[in-house]
C-alpha cells in the first residue's frame, strides 16, 4: 500500500512538472486573447467626440425642388451660400453676350479648371440687393447667370463697351463682392492687386459656380502669373505701362515676398530665368527657386517666357494682339531648415571592450553628394583619427566612427529623415533619442527625423559574461523542471528493478 502511495505521489509530481510549461503558455495566450478582445471592442466603438456628423451647410442647397421653385420669384432660383471659382478672361474684354458658355482656353489660369482661388458667395444677400438672374433650363441642369445682361436695372444707358464696363464694375463692387466675407474680398487684392479685378458675371454651369472677370486696365495689359509645384496660381500681377512694357522685375519681386510672407529674405541668385532665394517663416528656413513655366500646357511656350532681373523685365506670349500679353513663372519650394545631429557612444558590461570603435551608417537620399562639418568630444586621447567632414555618397550613405565616451556632432543638417544603423557586432545595442528610449532594430537601425531643433541619439552597447553552465536565469525554471522529471523517472525505474 505504501509502495502504491509513493508511486502515485511520484506520478503526480511528474504530471505537474510536465503540465507547468504548457499551462504557462495557455495562460499567456488567454491573456493576449483577452487583451486583443478588449482592444477590438474599443476599436469597434466609435469615438463619439470625433464622430462625423452631416452639416446642413454641406448639402447643395443652390437648386430647389419643383415645389420650392414655384414659390420663389422666377428670377431667384438659387439661394444659400455657394463656393465659386475665380477666373480671368485673357481677352480682358467683357463679352457682348455674357450669359453663355465659353471655351475653357479663353480663361486663366492654365485653362484647366483650376482657379486662382475660391470664394464663398451668399446668394440670399445678393438676391436682396436685388439682382435678378438669367436661367437656361437644360432639363436636369440649369445654367444660372448674375450679370448686367440678366438685370437691366444694373445696365442703364447705352450699350457702348465703356459703359458696359462701368455698369459691370458697379454690379461687381456694390452687389456680388459685397455678398462675400472680408477675408474672401481680400483674396482679390492679394492676387490681382488693389481694386484691379472686375467680376462681370457670377454663374453656374456644368462645372459648378464660378466668377469670370477682367482687369481694370486699359490695353495693352501685361500679366505675369506665378504657379506653385501643384500648378496652383499664387498670384497674377499686371501692368499697362507704355514706357517699359510689362511688369517690372522689382514689382514682381515685391509681390513674391508678399505672397510667401515670412522674413529675412536672402537672394542667392538673380540672373536670367533663374532666381534663387531663402526666407524664414514659422521657425523654418525655406529655399525658393523661380524659373519660367515650361510644363503642362505651357510646354509649347518653352523659350518664350523669360524673366530678366538685370534689365528689370519679362518676356511674354501674345494672347490677344495689342490687348493681352502673358508670361508664366513657376516656383519650387524646399525646406532647408538646419539642425545638428549628435551621436554619442557608451559601452558597458562585464566583458565589454571600452577601447573598441563602432561604425555608424547614415542613410538619407536627399543628402546625396552633400558635405557636413563634424565636431567631436571625448576623443582627446584616442589614437584613431576622426574625420572633420562627412560626405554623403551618390546613394545617400555616410558614416562616423566612435568608441566609449565619444560623441560626434554633425552640423547644420537639413530637415528630413535620416536612417542610422550601428555595426554593433556581438553587443546588444539600445538607443535613446533626446532622452527617450526608442525601439531599435539591430538589422535596420532607427529612422530619425531632423526638424528645427537639434537631435541627440545616445547609443549604448552592452555585453555580459555568460554563466559557465550556459544556463541563464530565463531558462533556469525549465531546466529545474526537466531535472525533477528525470529524477522521478529514474527513481521509478530503480524501484521496479528491485521489485523484479
Protein backbone atom coordinates (compact mmCIF):
# COMPACT_ATOMS: atom_id res chain seq x y z
CA UNK A 1 0.00 0.00 0.00
CA UNK A 2 2.88 2.34 0.86
CA UNK A 3 4.60 1.49 -2.42
CA UNK A 4 1.46 2.33 -4.33
CA UNK A 5 1.15 5.66 -2.44
CA UNK A 6 4.72 6.62 -3.24
CA UNK A 7 4.17 5.72 -6.89
CA UNK A 8 1.06 7.90 -7.00
CA UNK A 9 2.97 10.79 -5.41
CA UNK A 10 5.80 10.48 -7.91
CA UNK A 11 3.36 10.28 -10.81
CA UNK A 12 1.56 13.37 -9.53
CA UNK A 13 4.81 15.35 -9.25
CA UNK A 14 5.84 14.24 -12.71
CA UNK A 15 2.49 15.25 -14.17
CA UNK A 16 2.67 18.68 -12.54
CA UNK A 17 6.16 19.23 -13.87
CA UNK A 18 5.15 18.32 -17.39
CA UNK A 19 1.99 20.42 -17.28
CA UNK A 20 3.60 23.62 -15.97
CA UNK A 21 5.16 24.87 -19.25
CA UNK A 22 2.08 24.15 -21.34
CA UNK A 23 -0.18 25.75 -18.74
CA UNK A 24 2.02 28.86 -18.70
CA UNK A 25 1.65 29.12 -22.48
CA UNK A 26 -2.12 28.69 -22.27
CA UNK A 27 -2.39 31.41 -19.63
CA UNK A 28 -0.22 33.75 -21.69
CA UNK A 29 -2.31 33.05 -24.79
CA UNK A 30 -5.53 33.65 -22.85
CA UNK A 31 -4.19 36.95 -21.55
CA UNK A 32 -3.17 38.02 -25.02
CA UNK A 33 -6.57 36.97 -26.40
CA UNK A 34 -8.37 38.91 -23.67
CA UNK A 35 -6.25 41.96 -24.41
CA UNK A 36 -6.95 41.64 -28.14
CA UNK A 37 -10.66 41.23 -27.46
CA UNK A 38 -10.75 44.37 -25.33
CA UNK A 39 -8.82 46.26 -27.97
CA UNK A 40 -11.17 45.00 -30.68
CA UNK A 41 -14.19 46.12 -28.68
CA UNK A 42 -12.61 49.53 -28.11
CA UNK A 43 -11.85 49.89 -31.81
CA UNK A 44 -15.37 48.84 -32.71
CA UNK A 45 -16.88 51.57 -30.55
CA UNK A 46 -16.92 54.91 -32.40
CA UNK A 47 -15.31 57.94 -30.84
CA UNK A 48 -18.40 59.96 -30.06
CA UNK A 49 -16.40 63.14 -29.76
CA UNK A 50 -14.91 62.73 -33.26
CA UNK A 51 -17.90 61.07 -34.89
CA UNK A 52 -18.78 62.52 -38.29
CA UNK A 53 -21.99 64.49 -38.47
CA UNK A 54 -23.76 65.82 -41.50
CA UNK A 55 -23.65 69.58 -41.68
CA UNK A 56 -26.67 71.06 -43.41
CA UNK A 57 -24.38 73.66 -44.94
CA UNK A 58 -22.60 70.85 -46.81
CA UNK A 59 -25.76 69.98 -48.70
CA UNK A 60 -26.01 71.63 -52.12
CA UNK A 61 -28.89 73.99 -51.49
CA UNK A 62 -28.34 76.14 -54.56
CA UNK A 63 -31.04 74.31 -56.54
CA UNK A 64 -34.57 73.97 -55.17
CA UNK A 65 -37.06 71.23 -55.93
CA UNK A 66 -40.07 71.94 -58.15
CA UNK A 67 -42.31 72.96 -55.25
CA UNK A 68 -39.78 75.45 -53.87
CA UNK A 69 -39.15 76.96 -57.31
CA UNK A 70 -42.85 77.62 -57.73
CA UNK A 71 -42.85 79.63 -54.50
CA UNK A 72 -39.77 81.69 -55.39
CA UNK A 73 -39.76 84.56 -57.82
CA UNK A 74 -38.82 83.42 -61.31
CA UNK A 75 -35.57 85.36 -61.22
CA UNK A 76 -34.30 83.89 -57.91
CA UNK A 77 -33.91 80.13 -58.49
CA UNK A 78 -30.78 79.82 -56.34
CA UNK A 79 -30.37 80.52 -52.62
CA UNK A 80 -27.95 79.86 -49.79
CA UNK A 81 -24.16 80.03 -49.72
CA UNK A 82 -22.17 78.69 -52.66
CA UNK A 83 -18.47 78.26 -53.46
CA UNK A 84 -17.30 79.96 -56.66
CA UNK A 85 -14.05 79.56 -58.61
CA UNK A 86 -12.28 82.70 -59.81
CA UNK A 87 -11.09 83.01 -63.45
CA UNK A 88 -9.61 85.78 -65.60
CA UNK A 89 -10.64 86.30 -69.23
CA UNK A 90 -7.47 86.65 -71.28
CA UNK A 91 -9.01 88.96 -73.87
CA UNK A 92 -9.60 91.37 -70.95
CA UNK A 93 -12.92 92.35 -72.54
CA UNK A 94 -16.49 91.89 -71.33
CA UNK A 95 -18.38 89.77 -73.90
CA UNK A 96 -21.21 91.34 -75.88
CA UNK A 97 -23.37 88.42 -74.75
CA UNK A 98 -22.32 87.49 -71.22
CA UNK A 99 -24.93 84.82 -70.49
CA UNK A 100 -23.48 81.92 -72.45
CA UNK A 101 -20.94 79.13 -72.13
CA UNK A 102 -17.39 80.00 -73.25
CA UNK A 103 -14.40 77.81 -74.09
CA UNK A 104 -12.12 76.92 -71.19
CA UNK A 105 -8.98 78.03 -73.02
CA UNK A 106 -10.21 81.65 -73.00
CA UNK A 107 -9.63 81.88 -69.26
CA UNK A 108 -6.75 81.62 -66.84
CA UNK A 109 -5.09 80.25 -65.02
CA UNK A 110 -3.98 77.50 -67.38
CA UNK A 111 -7.44 76.80 -68.80
CA UNK A 112 -7.52 73.54 -66.86
CA UNK A 113 -10.45 74.11 -64.50
CA UNK A 114 -8.01 75.12 -61.75
CA UNK A 115 -8.97 78.59 -60.47
CA UNK A 116 -6.83 81.31 -58.98
CA UNK A 117 -8.74 80.70 -55.76
CA UNK A 118 -12.30 80.13 -54.50
CA UNK A 119 -14.69 82.35 -52.54
CA UNK A 120 -18.00 81.86 -50.75
CA UNK A 121 -20.93 83.94 -52.01
CA UNK A 122 -24.13 84.43 -50.01
CA UNK A 123 -26.84 84.30 -52.70
CA UNK A 124 -29.54 85.33 -50.22
CA UNK A 125 -27.67 88.56 -49.58
CA UNK A 126 -27.07 89.05 -53.31
CA UNK A 127 -30.74 88.46 -54.18
CA UNK A 128 -31.82 91.14 -51.70
CA UNK A 129 -29.87 93.90 -53.50
CA UNK A 130 -31.84 92.94 -55.62
CA UNK A 131 -30.04 91.29 -58.51
CA UNK A 132 -32.13 89.21 -60.87
CA UNK A 133 -30.78 86.19 -62.70
CA UNK A 134 -30.97 84.74 -66.17
CA UNK A 135 -31.67 81.00 -66.33
CA UNK A 136 -31.14 78.50 -69.13
CA UNK A 137 -33.10 75.32 -68.47
CA UNK A 138 -31.33 72.24 -69.84
CA UNK A 139 -33.67 69.73 -68.19
CA UNK A 140 -31.78 68.25 -65.26
CA UNK A 141 -29.23 71.07 -65.35
CA UNK A 142 -29.94 74.78 -65.02
CA UNK A 143 -27.40 77.40 -66.08
CA UNK A 144 -27.77 80.48 -63.85
CA UNK A 145 -26.21 83.90 -64.56
CA UNK A 146 -25.87 87.03 -62.42
CA UNK A 147 -24.74 89.81 -64.78
CA UNK A 148 -25.72 93.16 -66.29
CA UNK A 149 -27.27 91.18 -69.17
CA UNK A 150 -29.53 89.42 -66.65
CA UNK A 151 -30.85 92.54 -64.94
CA UNK A 152 -31.36 95.71 -66.98
CA UNK A 153 -31.66 97.77 -63.81
CA UNK A 154 -27.89 97.30 -63.41
CA UNK A 155 -27.21 98.17 -67.06
CA UNK A 156 -28.55 101.69 -67.71
CA UNK A 157 -27.50 103.94 -70.58
CA UNK A 158 -26.14 102.98 -73.98
CA UNK A 159 -24.54 99.65 -74.87
CA UNK A 160 -21.09 101.02 -75.64
CA UNK A 161 -18.18 98.94 -74.31
CA UNK A 162 -17.02 101.65 -71.90
CA UNK A 163 -20.49 101.96 -70.40
CA UNK A 164 -20.84 98.18 -70.09
CA UNK A 165 -17.53 98.03 -68.25
CA UNK A 166 -18.66 100.74 -65.85
CA UNK A 167 -22.02 99.04 -65.26
CA UNK A 168 -20.35 95.65 -64.71
CA UNK A 169 -17.96 97.31 -62.26
CA UNK A 170 -20.91 98.74 -60.31
CA UNK A 171 -22.62 95.34 -60.16
CA UNK A 172 -19.37 93.75 -59.03
CA UNK A 173 -18.40 96.29 -56.38
CA UNK A 174 -21.85 97.04 -54.95
CA UNK A 175 -23.54 93.63 -55.15
CA UNK A 176 -21.51 90.49 -55.92
CA UNK A 177 -18.37 91.49 -53.98
CA UNK A 178 -20.46 92.64 -51.02
CA UNK A 179 -22.02 89.17 -50.74
CA UNK A 180 -18.61 87.81 -49.65
CA UNK A 181 -16.76 87.93 -46.35
CA UNK A 182 -13.99 90.47 -45.84
CA UNK A 183 -11.50 87.59 -45.87
CA UNK A 184 -12.62 86.49 -49.33
CA UNK A 185 -12.66 90.09 -50.57
CA UNK A 186 -9.01 90.39 -49.51
CA UNK A 187 -8.08 87.47 -51.77
CA UNK A 188 -8.72 89.58 -54.87
CA UNK A 189 -6.34 92.27 -53.65
CA UNK A 190 -3.68 89.71 -52.73
CA UNK A 191 -3.76 88.04 -56.14
CA UNK A 192 -4.66 90.79 -58.62
CA UNK A 193 -3.73 93.97 -56.75
CA UNK A 194 -5.83 96.60 -55.03
CA UNK A 195 -9.14 97.33 -56.80
CA UNK A 196 -7.96 95.68 -60.02
CA UNK A 197 -10.34 92.74 -60.62
CA UNK A 198 -13.86 93.18 -62.04
CA UNK A 199 -16.06 90.09 -61.91
CA UNK A 200 -18.52 90.70 -64.71
CA UNK A 201 -20.54 87.51 -64.13
CA UNK A 202 -21.33 85.03 -61.35
CA UNK A 203 -22.66 81.88 -62.98
CA UNK A 204 -23.46 78.24 -62.52
CA UNK A 205 -22.72 75.86 -65.39
CA UNK A 206 -21.76 72.20 -65.68
CA UNK A 207 -18.62 72.55 -63.58
CA UNK A 208 -20.36 74.44 -60.78
CA UNK A 209 -20.26 78.08 -59.76
CA UNK A 210 -17.55 80.47 -60.90
CA UNK A 211 -16.82 84.15 -61.43
CA UNK A 212 -15.31 85.36 -64.70
CA UNK A 213 -13.54 88.69 -64.63
CA UNK A 214 -11.24 91.17 -66.31
CA UNK A 215 -8.57 93.55 -65.05
CA UNK A 216 -9.44 97.20 -64.65
CA UNK A 217 -6.76 98.45 -67.06
CA UNK A 218 -6.74 99.97 -70.50
CA UNK A 219 -4.96 97.83 -73.11
CA UNK A 220 -2.36 96.68 -73.69
CA UNK A 221 -2.26 94.64 -70.48
CA UNK A 222 0.86 92.69 -69.50
CA UNK A 223 0.29 89.90 -66.96
CA UNK A 224 2.81 87.74 -65.08
CA UNK A 225 1.44 84.68 -63.26
CA UNK A 226 3.32 82.66 -60.63
CA UNK A 227 2.47 78.97 -60.09
CA UNK A 228 3.48 76.57 -57.31
CA UNK A 229 4.62 72.93 -57.61
CA UNK A 230 1.00 71.77 -57.85
CA UNK A 231 0.22 74.15 -60.73
CA UNK A 232 -1.88 76.32 -58.43
CA UNK A 233 -1.63 80.02 -59.31
CA UNK A 234 -0.23 82.02 -56.38
CA UNK A 235 -0.86 85.41 -57.93
CA UNK A 236 -1.14 87.44 -61.13
CA UNK A 237 0.48 90.86 -61.41
CA UNK A 238 -0.31 93.22 -64.27
CA UNK A 239 0.81 96.46 -65.85
CA UNK A 240 -0.02 98.64 -68.85
CA UNK A 241 2.98 100.95 -68.51
CA UNK A 242 3.94 102.07 -72.03
CA UNK A 243 7.46 103.37 -71.37
CA UNK A 244 8.62 99.99 -70.07
CA UNK A 245 6.08 97.49 -71.41
CA UNK A 246 5.11 94.86 -68.92
CA UNK A 247 5.56 94.08 -65.27
CA UNK A 248 8.90 95.14 -63.78
CA UNK A 249 11.05 92.59 -62.00
CA UNK A 250 11.15 94.89 -58.96
CA UNK A 251 7.34 94.81 -58.68
CA UNK A 252 7.29 91.03 -59.22
CA UNK A 253 9.92 90.56 -56.52
CA UNK A 254 7.88 92.58 -54.03
CA UNK A 255 4.76 90.56 -54.91
CA UNK A 256 6.64 87.28 -54.35
CA UNK A 257 7.66 88.33 -50.85
CA UNK A 258 4.12 89.48 -50.10
CA UNK A 259 2.67 86.14 -51.27
CA UNK A 260 5.17 83.98 -49.37
CA UNK A 261 5.18 86.02 -46.17
CA UNK A 262 7.98 85.45 -43.68
CA UNK A 263 11.13 87.48 -43.07
CA UNK A 264 14.89 87.62 -43.66
CA UNK A 265 14.86 87.30 -47.45
CA UNK A 266 18.25 86.48 -48.97
CA UNK A 267 18.65 86.40 -52.76
CA UNK A 268 21.32 83.86 -53.70
CA UNK A 269 20.87 84.09 -57.48
CA UNK A 270 19.21 86.74 -59.65
CA UNK A 271 20.03 86.02 -63.26
CA UNK A 272 18.10 85.44 -66.46
CA UNK A 273 15.48 82.69 -66.00
CA UNK A 274 16.90 81.73 -62.60
CA UNK A 275 16.00 83.32 -59.26
CA UNK A 276 17.06 81.58 -56.02
CA UNK A 277 16.24 82.95 -52.58
CA UNK A 278 15.81 81.89 -48.97
CA UNK A 279 13.48 83.20 -46.28
CA UNK A 280 12.26 82.28 -42.80
CA UNK A 281 8.69 81.57 -41.74
CA UNK A 282 7.23 79.91 -38.63
CA UNK A 283 10.62 78.85 -37.31
CA UNK A 284 11.73 77.22 -40.57
CA UNK A 285 14.03 78.19 -43.42
CA UNK A 286 12.80 77.81 -47.00
CA UNK A 287 14.68 77.82 -50.28
CA UNK A 288 12.76 79.05 -53.33
CA UNK A 289 13.70 78.72 -57.00
CA UNK A 290 11.74 80.64 -59.67
CA UNK A 291 12.05 79.77 -63.37
CA UNK A 292 9.88 80.21 -66.49
CA UNK A 293 6.97 77.72 -66.54
CA UNK A 294 7.54 75.09 -69.21
CA UNK A 295 5.39 72.13 -68.14
CA UNK A 296 1.79 71.05 -68.67
CA UNK A 297 0.04 73.14 -71.30
CA UNK A 298 2.94 75.60 -71.25
CA UNK A 299 5.41 73.17 -72.84
CA UNK A 300 4.53 74.70 -76.22
CA UNK A 301 5.69 78.09 -74.91
CA UNK A 302 9.10 76.91 -73.71
CA UNK A 303 11.64 79.51 -74.74
CA UNK A 304 9.04 82.30 -74.92
CA UNK A 305 8.53 83.10 -71.24
CA UNK A 306 11.57 84.82 -69.69
CA UNK A 307 12.47 86.75 -66.57
CA UNK A 308 15.39 89.18 -66.80
CA UNK A 309 16.28 90.68 -63.40
CA UNK A 310 19.23 92.68 -64.77
CA UNK A 311 17.04 94.53 -67.28
CA UNK A 312 14.04 94.59 -64.91
CA UNK A 313 11.56 92.95 -67.31
CA UNK A 314 9.79 89.80 -68.55
CA UNK A 315 9.16 88.27 -71.98
CA UNK A 316 5.56 87.42 -72.93
CA UNK A 317 3.46 85.47 -75.37
CA UNK A 318 0.64 87.21 -77.22
CA UNK A 319 -2.82 86.13 -76.09
CA UNK A 320 -4.74 88.94 -77.81
CA UNK A 321 -2.76 91.22 -80.12
CA UNK A 322 -2.44 94.78 -78.81
CA UNK A 323 -4.58 93.76 -75.84
CA UNK A 324 -3.29 90.94 -73.63
CA UNK A 325 0.24 89.59 -73.12
CA UNK A 326 1.10 86.78 -70.71
CA UNK A 327 4.22 85.40 -69.00
CA UNK A 328 4.16 82.49 -66.57
CA UNK A 329 6.69 81.61 -63.89
CA UNK A 330 6.91 78.56 -61.63
CA UNK A 331 8.16 78.30 -58.08
CA UNK A 332 9.89 75.35 -56.39
CA UNK A 333 9.92 75.47 -52.60
CA UNK A 334 12.23 73.38 -50.40
CA UNK A 335 12.50 73.15 -46.63
CA UNK A 336 16.18 73.78 -45.80
CA UNK A 337 15.82 74.24 -42.04
CA UNK A 338 19.07 73.12 -40.43
CA UNK A 339 19.76 71.44 -37.09
CA UNK A 340 22.61 69.47 -35.53
CA UNK A 341 22.61 65.68 -35.22
CA UNK A 342 24.56 64.49 -32.15
CA UNK A 343 25.55 60.81 -31.88
CA UNK A 344 27.06 59.57 -28.60
CA UNK A 345 28.53 56.19 -27.65
CA UNK A 346 28.54 54.26 -24.35
CA UNK A 347 29.90 50.73 -23.87
CA UNK A 348 29.25 48.71 -20.72
CA UNK A 349 29.19 45.15 -19.46
CA UNK A 350 31.48 42.65 -17.73
CA UNK A 351 33.26 41.67 -20.96
CA UNK A 352 32.81 44.91 -22.94
CA UNK A 353 35.87 46.48 -24.55
CA UNK A 354 35.73 50.27 -23.98
CA UNK A 355 38.54 50.84 -26.49
CA UNK A 356 36.64 49.21 -29.36
CA UNK A 357 35.38 51.52 -32.14
CA UNK A 358 31.95 51.18 -33.70
CA UNK A 359 30.80 52.39 -37.11
CA UNK A 360 27.51 54.25 -37.52
CA UNK A 361 25.98 54.12 -41.01
CA UNK A 362 23.80 57.10 -42.01
CA UNK A 363 21.41 56.99 -44.99
CA UNK A 364 19.42 59.90 -46.45
CA UNK A 365 18.85 60.02 -50.22
CA UNK A 366 18.08 63.75 -50.16
CA UNK A 367 21.61 64.42 -48.83
CA UNK A 368 23.41 62.60 -51.67
CA UNK A 369 26.55 64.49 -52.66
CA UNK A 370 26.40 66.89 -49.70
CA UNK A 371 29.19 67.53 -47.18
CA UNK A 372 28.79 68.42 -43.49
CA UNK A 373 31.23 69.53 -40.80
CA UNK A 374 31.65 67.24 -37.78
CA UNK A 375 32.98 68.08 -34.30
CA UNK A 376 33.83 65.53 -31.60
CA UNK A 377 34.00 65.28 -27.80
CA UNK A 378 35.90 62.71 -25.74
CA UNK A 379 38.43 61.96 -28.47
CA UNK A 380 41.43 63.73 -26.93
CA UNK A 381 43.33 60.55 -26.00
CA UNK A 382 42.01 58.41 -28.83
CA UNK A 383 44.73 57.03 -31.14
CA UNK A 384 42.24 56.76 -34.01
CA UNK A 385 41.70 59.72 -36.37
CA UNK A 386 38.23 61.25 -36.72
CA UNK A 387 37.17 62.93 -39.96
CA UNK A 388 36.25 66.60 -39.59
CA UNK A 389 33.80 66.29 -42.51
CA UNK A 390 31.47 63.60 -43.72
CA UNK A 391 30.31 63.26 -47.31
CA UNK A 392 27.12 61.51 -48.34
CA UNK A 393 27.82 59.48 -51.47
CA UNK A 394 25.58 59.37 -54.53
CA UNK A 395 23.41 56.75 -52.82
CA UNK A 396 22.96 58.98 -49.78
CA UNK A 397 25.26 57.00 -47.45
CA UNK A 398 27.84 58.29 -44.95
CA UNK A 399 29.45 57.04 -41.73
CA UNK A 400 31.13 58.10 -38.47
CA UNK A 401 33.24 56.01 -36.06
CA UNK A 402 33.04 56.29 -32.25
CA UNK A 403 34.13 54.43 -29.13
CA UNK A 404 33.03 54.53 -25.50
CA UNK A 405 32.67 58.08 -24.14
CA UNK A 406 32.89 59.79 -27.54
CA UNK A 407 30.28 61.80 -29.41
CA UNK A 408 30.04 63.35 -32.88
CA UNK A 409 28.05 66.47 -33.79
CA UNK A 410 27.11 66.64 -37.47
CA UNK A 411 26.44 70.32 -38.01
CA UNK A 412 23.61 72.06 -39.86
CA UNK A 413 21.85 69.02 -41.33
CA UNK A 414 18.86 69.97 -43.47
CA UNK A 415 15.49 68.82 -42.17
CA UNK A 416 14.09 65.42 -43.12
CA UNK A 417 14.56 61.75 -42.25
CA UNK A 418 17.92 60.03 -41.67
CA UNK A 419 18.26 56.30 -41.02
CA UNK A 420 21.06 55.42 -38.61
CA UNK A 421 22.37 51.89 -38.06
CA UNK A 422 25.26 50.81 -35.85
CA UNK A 423 27.56 47.90 -36.65
CA UNK A 424 27.46 46.56 -33.09
CA UNK A 425 28.93 43.08 -33.61
CA UNK A 426 28.15 40.77 -30.68
CA UNK A 427 26.97 43.63 -28.49
CA UNK A 428 23.35 44.32 -27.69
CA UNK A 429 22.56 47.87 -28.84
CA UNK A 430 19.94 50.25 -27.45
CA UNK A 431 19.32 53.93 -28.16
CA UNK A 432 17.68 56.96 -26.54
CA UNK A 433 16.63 59.89 -28.74
CA UNK A 434 16.56 63.24 -26.96
CA UNK A 435 16.47 61.35 -23.66
CA UNK A 436 13.61 58.99 -24.52
CA UNK A 437 14.20 55.28 -25.15
CA UNK A 438 13.38 54.21 -28.69
CA UNK A 439 12.78 50.78 -30.15
CA UNK A 440 15.93 49.86 -32.05
CA UNK A 441 16.09 47.22 -34.79
CA UNK A 442 19.51 45.54 -34.81
CA UNK A 443 19.26 44.94 -38.57
CA UNK A 444 17.50 48.04 -39.92
CA UNK A 445 18.54 50.59 -37.32
CA UNK A 446 16.42 53.62 -36.44
CA UNK A 447 14.75 56.34 -38.52
CA UNK A 448 15.41 59.82 -37.13
CA UNK A 449 13.53 62.97 -38.12
CA UNK A 450 15.63 66.12 -38.26
CA UNK A 451 13.37 69.11 -37.69
CA UNK A 452 14.10 72.63 -36.49
CA UNK A 453 15.73 71.54 -33.20
CA UNK A 454 18.89 69.54 -32.51
CA UNK A 455 18.54 65.75 -32.29
CA UNK A 456 20.64 63.61 -29.91
CA UNK A 457 20.90 59.85 -30.44
CA UNK A 458 22.64 58.18 -27.47
CA UNK A 459 23.72 54.61 -28.27
CA UNK A 460 24.60 52.06 -25.57
CA UNK A 461 26.30 48.72 -26.31
CA UNK A 462 26.27 46.01 -23.66
CA UNK A 463 27.98 42.62 -23.35
CA UNK A 464 27.88 40.42 -20.22
CA UNK A 465 29.78 37.26 -19.19
CA UNK A 466 27.63 34.16 -19.73
CA UNK A 467 27.43 31.57 -16.88
CA UNK A 468 29.81 28.60 -17.29
CA UNK A 469 26.92 26.14 -17.44
CA UNK A 470 25.33 28.11 -20.19
CA UNK A 471 22.19 28.34 -18.05
CA UNK A 472 20.65 31.76 -17.66
CA UNK A 473 18.01 32.91 -15.22
CA UNK A 474 15.46 32.93 -18.02
CA UNK A 475 15.94 29.18 -18.70
CA UNK A 476 16.58 28.01 -15.11
CA UNK A 477 12.93 27.15 -14.19
CA UNK A 478 12.58 24.95 -17.27
CA UNK A 479 15.89 23.19 -16.60
CA UNK A 480 14.81 22.54 -12.98
CA UNK A 481 11.52 21.04 -14.15
CA UNK A 482 13.38 18.76 -16.55
CA UNK A 483 15.77 17.61 -13.81
CA UNK A 484 12.89 16.77 -11.46
CA UNK A 485 11.18 14.79 -14.20
CA UNK A 486 14.37 12.82 -14.96
CA UNK A 487 14.95 12.08 -11.27
CA UNK A 488 11.38 10.91 -10.85
CA UNK A 489 11.63 8.60 -13.84
CA UNK A 490 14.96 7.25 -12.60
CA UNK A 491 13.59 6.61 -9.13
CA UNK A 492 10.58 4.79 -10.53
CA UNK A 493 12.73 2.66 -12.80
CA UNK A 494 15.05 1.70 -9.90
CA UNK A 495 12.11 0.72 -7.71
CA UNK A 496 10.73 -1.53 -10.42
CA UNK A 497 14.13 -3.21 -10.86
CA UNK A 498 14.29 -4.04 -7.15
CA UNK A 499 10.80 -5.49 -7.16
CA UNK A 500 11.51 -7.81 -10.06
